Amino acid sequence: MKIDGKCHCGAITYEAEVDPATARICHCTDCQVLSGTAFRTVVAAREEDFTLLSGAPKTYIKTAESGAPRAQVFCPDCGTPLYATGVGDGPKIFGLRMGCIRQREDLPPNEHIWARSAVGWLGDIASLPKKDLQT
C-alpha cells in the first residue's frame, strides 16, 4: 500500500510502500515515554520502500531493553516522531509512526506487542464518554 506522511509543522514529508498486515500497537515503555502517551501505533516499511521528500530529520539513538541500539527519528523543528529503525549495517525496517501517515484510517493495527508493559486501564477506555470536540 502506498502511503505518504508528514510531521506536524510540514517541514518533513515522505512517502513509502507498506504492508498493512504489519500495523501494530506497541506498549513498550520506550514507546510510552518517547511518544508521551500510553502506547504507539506503527506500520513497517523497508528502507528501500521509504523516500524522504523534504526536510532533514534529526536522530536520537536509544538503547532498547534488548540492548540493541535503535534510531529514533523526528522533526527537529516541531519534535514529531517519524519512525524508528535499527542502527548499523544491514537491511533496515522503519517503524513508521501512524499519527504522521495521511492514510492512518486505512491501517488498523493487527496485533499488540510488548503487552506486558501495557497500562492497566487501557481495556476500560472503550466505555468512556465520547465528545466530538474538546469542550
Protein backbone atom coordinates (compact mmCIF):
# COMPACT_ATOMS: atom_id res chain seq x y z
CA MET A 1 0.00 0.00 0.00
CA LYS A 2 1.35 3.40 -0.98
CA ILE A 3 1.25 5.96 1.88
CA ASP A 4 2.50 9.48 2.49
CA GLY A 5 3.19 11.35 5.67
CA LYS A 6 4.48 14.49 7.26
CA CYS A 7 5.43 15.97 10.60
CA HIS A 8 3.14 18.42 12.40
CA CYS A 9 4.79 21.55 11.00
CA GLY A 10 5.15 20.10 7.48
CA ALA A 11 8.93 20.51 7.26
CA ILE A 12 9.44 16.74 6.88
CA THR A 13 7.45 14.87 4.21
CA TYR A 14 7.82 11.32 2.96
CA GLU A 15 6.20 8.52 1.03
CA ALA A 16 6.52 4.78 1.46
CA GLU A 17 5.18 1.41 0.46
CA VAL A 18 3.90 -0.54 3.49
CA ASP A 19 2.25 -3.87 4.17
CA PRO A 20 -0.96 -3.13 6.14
CA ALA A 21 -0.56 -6.51 7.87
CA THR A 22 2.43 -5.07 9.76
CA ALA A 23 0.37 -2.37 11.52
CA ARG A 24 0.52 -2.88 15.28
CA ILE A 25 0.29 -1.28 18.68
CA CYS A 26 3.46 -1.21 20.77
CA HIS A 27 3.18 -0.99 24.56
CA CYS A 28 6.92 -1.00 25.38
CA THR A 29 7.97 1.56 27.93
CA ASP A 30 10.28 3.24 25.40
CA CYS A 31 7.31 3.89 23.09
CA GLN A 32 5.28 5.15 26.03
CA VAL A 33 7.94 7.67 27.06
CA LEU A 34 9.08 8.67 23.56
CA SER A 35 5.50 9.25 22.37
CA GLY A 36 4.33 10.87 25.61
CA THR A 37 1.31 8.55 25.77
CA ALA A 38 0.25 5.03 26.78
CA PHE A 39 1.22 3.25 23.53
CA ARG A 40 2.32 3.87 19.95
CA THR A 41 0.86 2.63 16.67
CA VAL A 42 3.29 1.79 13.88
CA VAL A 43 3.46 0.19 10.46
CA ALA A 44 6.61 -1.27 8.89
CA ALA A 45 8.36 -0.11 5.72
CA ARG A 46 11.58 -1.48 4.29
CA GLU A 47 14.30 1.15 3.93
CA GLU A 48 14.25 0.80 0.14
CA ASP A 49 10.48 1.44 0.14
CA PHE A 50 10.79 4.74 2.05
CA THR A 51 11.52 8.07 0.35
CA LEU A 52 12.19 11.28 2.24
CA LEU A 53 10.66 14.04 0.11
CA SER A 54 11.56 17.15 2.12
CA GLY A 55 13.36 18.24 5.25
CA ALA A 56 16.21 16.88 7.31
CA PRO A 57 15.09 14.84 10.33
CA LYS A 58 17.13 14.51 13.49
CA THR A 59 18.11 11.15 15.00
CA TYR A 60 18.38 10.13 18.64
CA ILE A 61 19.95 6.73 19.45
CA LYS A 62 18.20 4.88 22.28
CA THR A 63 19.39 1.54 23.65
CA ALA A 64 16.36 -0.74 23.82
CA GLU A 65 15.63 -3.22 26.62
CA SER A 66 17.14 -5.91 24.36
CA GLY A 67 20.43 -4.00 24.37
CA ALA A 68 20.12 -3.15 20.67
CA PRO A 69 20.59 0.49 19.66
CA ARG A 70 17.51 2.00 17.97
CA ALA A 71 17.47 5.19 15.93
CA GLN A 72 14.51 7.39 16.91
CA VAL A 73 13.94 9.82 14.04
CA PHE A 74 11.97 13.04 14.48
CA CYS A 75 11.44 16.56 13.13
CA PRO A 76 13.98 18.97 14.67
CA ASP A 77 11.51 21.87 14.33
CA CYS A 78 8.24 20.55 15.81
CA GLY A 79 9.50 17.37 17.51
CA THR A 80 7.08 15.00 15.76
CA PRO A 81 8.32 11.37 15.99
CA LEU A 82 8.56 9.98 12.44
CA TYR A 83 9.99 6.45 12.70
CA ALA A 84 12.45 4.16 14.46
CA THR A 85 14.90 1.73 12.92
CA GLY A 86 17.94 -0.36 13.73
CA VAL A 87 21.46 1.05 13.75
CA GLY A 88 24.44 -0.29 11.82
CA ASP A 89 24.89 -2.31 8.66
CA GLY A 90 22.31 -4.49 7.03
CA PRO A 91 18.78 -4.02 5.79
CA LYS A 92 16.60 -1.64 7.79
CA ILE A 93 12.92 -1.78 8.65
CA PHE A 94 11.38 1.56 9.53
CA GLY A 95 8.63 1.53 12.16
CA LEU A 96 6.64 4.46 10.77
CA ARG A 97 4.63 6.37 13.39
CA MET A 98 0.99 6.05 12.44
CA GLY A 99 -0.01 9.56 13.52
CA CYS A 100 2.12 11.05 10.71
CA ILE A 101 0.57 8.92 7.96
CA ARG A 102 -2.27 10.53 5.99
CA GLN A 103 -3.84 7.09 5.32
CA ARG A 104 -3.80 6.03 9.01
CA GLU A 105 -7.55 5.33 8.97
CA ASP A 106 -6.85 2.55 6.44
CA LEU A 107 -4.17 0.89 8.62
CA PRO A 108 -5.93 -0.72 11.60
CA PRO A 109 -3.48 -2.49 13.92
CA ASN A 110 -3.33 -6.28 13.66
CA GLU A 111 -1.63 -7.04 16.98
CA HIS A 112 -0.35 -5.71 20.29
CA ILE A 113 3.35 -6.11 21.09
CA TRP A 114 5.14 -5.66 24.43
CA ALA A 115 1.74 -6.23 26.04
CA ARG A 116 3.37 -6.94 29.41
CA SER A 117 4.07 -3.19 29.65
CA ALA A 118 0.53 -2.08 28.72
CA VAL A 119 -1.10 0.27 31.22
CA GLY A 120 -3.79 -1.47 33.24
CA TRP A 121 -6.59 0.98 32.43
CA LEU A 122 -6.30 0.58 28.66
CA GLY A 123 -9.08 -2.03 28.40
CA ASP A 124 -11.53 0.36 30.06
CA ILE A 125 -11.24 3.26 27.60
CA ALA A 126 -13.87 1.98 25.14
CA SER A 127 -16.57 2.61 27.75
CA LEU A 128 -15.60 6.25 28.41
CA PRO A 129 -17.98 9.01 27.25
CA LYS A 130 -17.14 10.42 23.82
CA LYS A 131 -17.21 14.07 22.67
CA ASP A 132 -16.71 15.14 19.05
CA LEU A 133 -14.65 18.16 20.12
CA GLN A 134 -12.87 19.35 23.25
CA THR A 135 -15.15 21.45 25.41
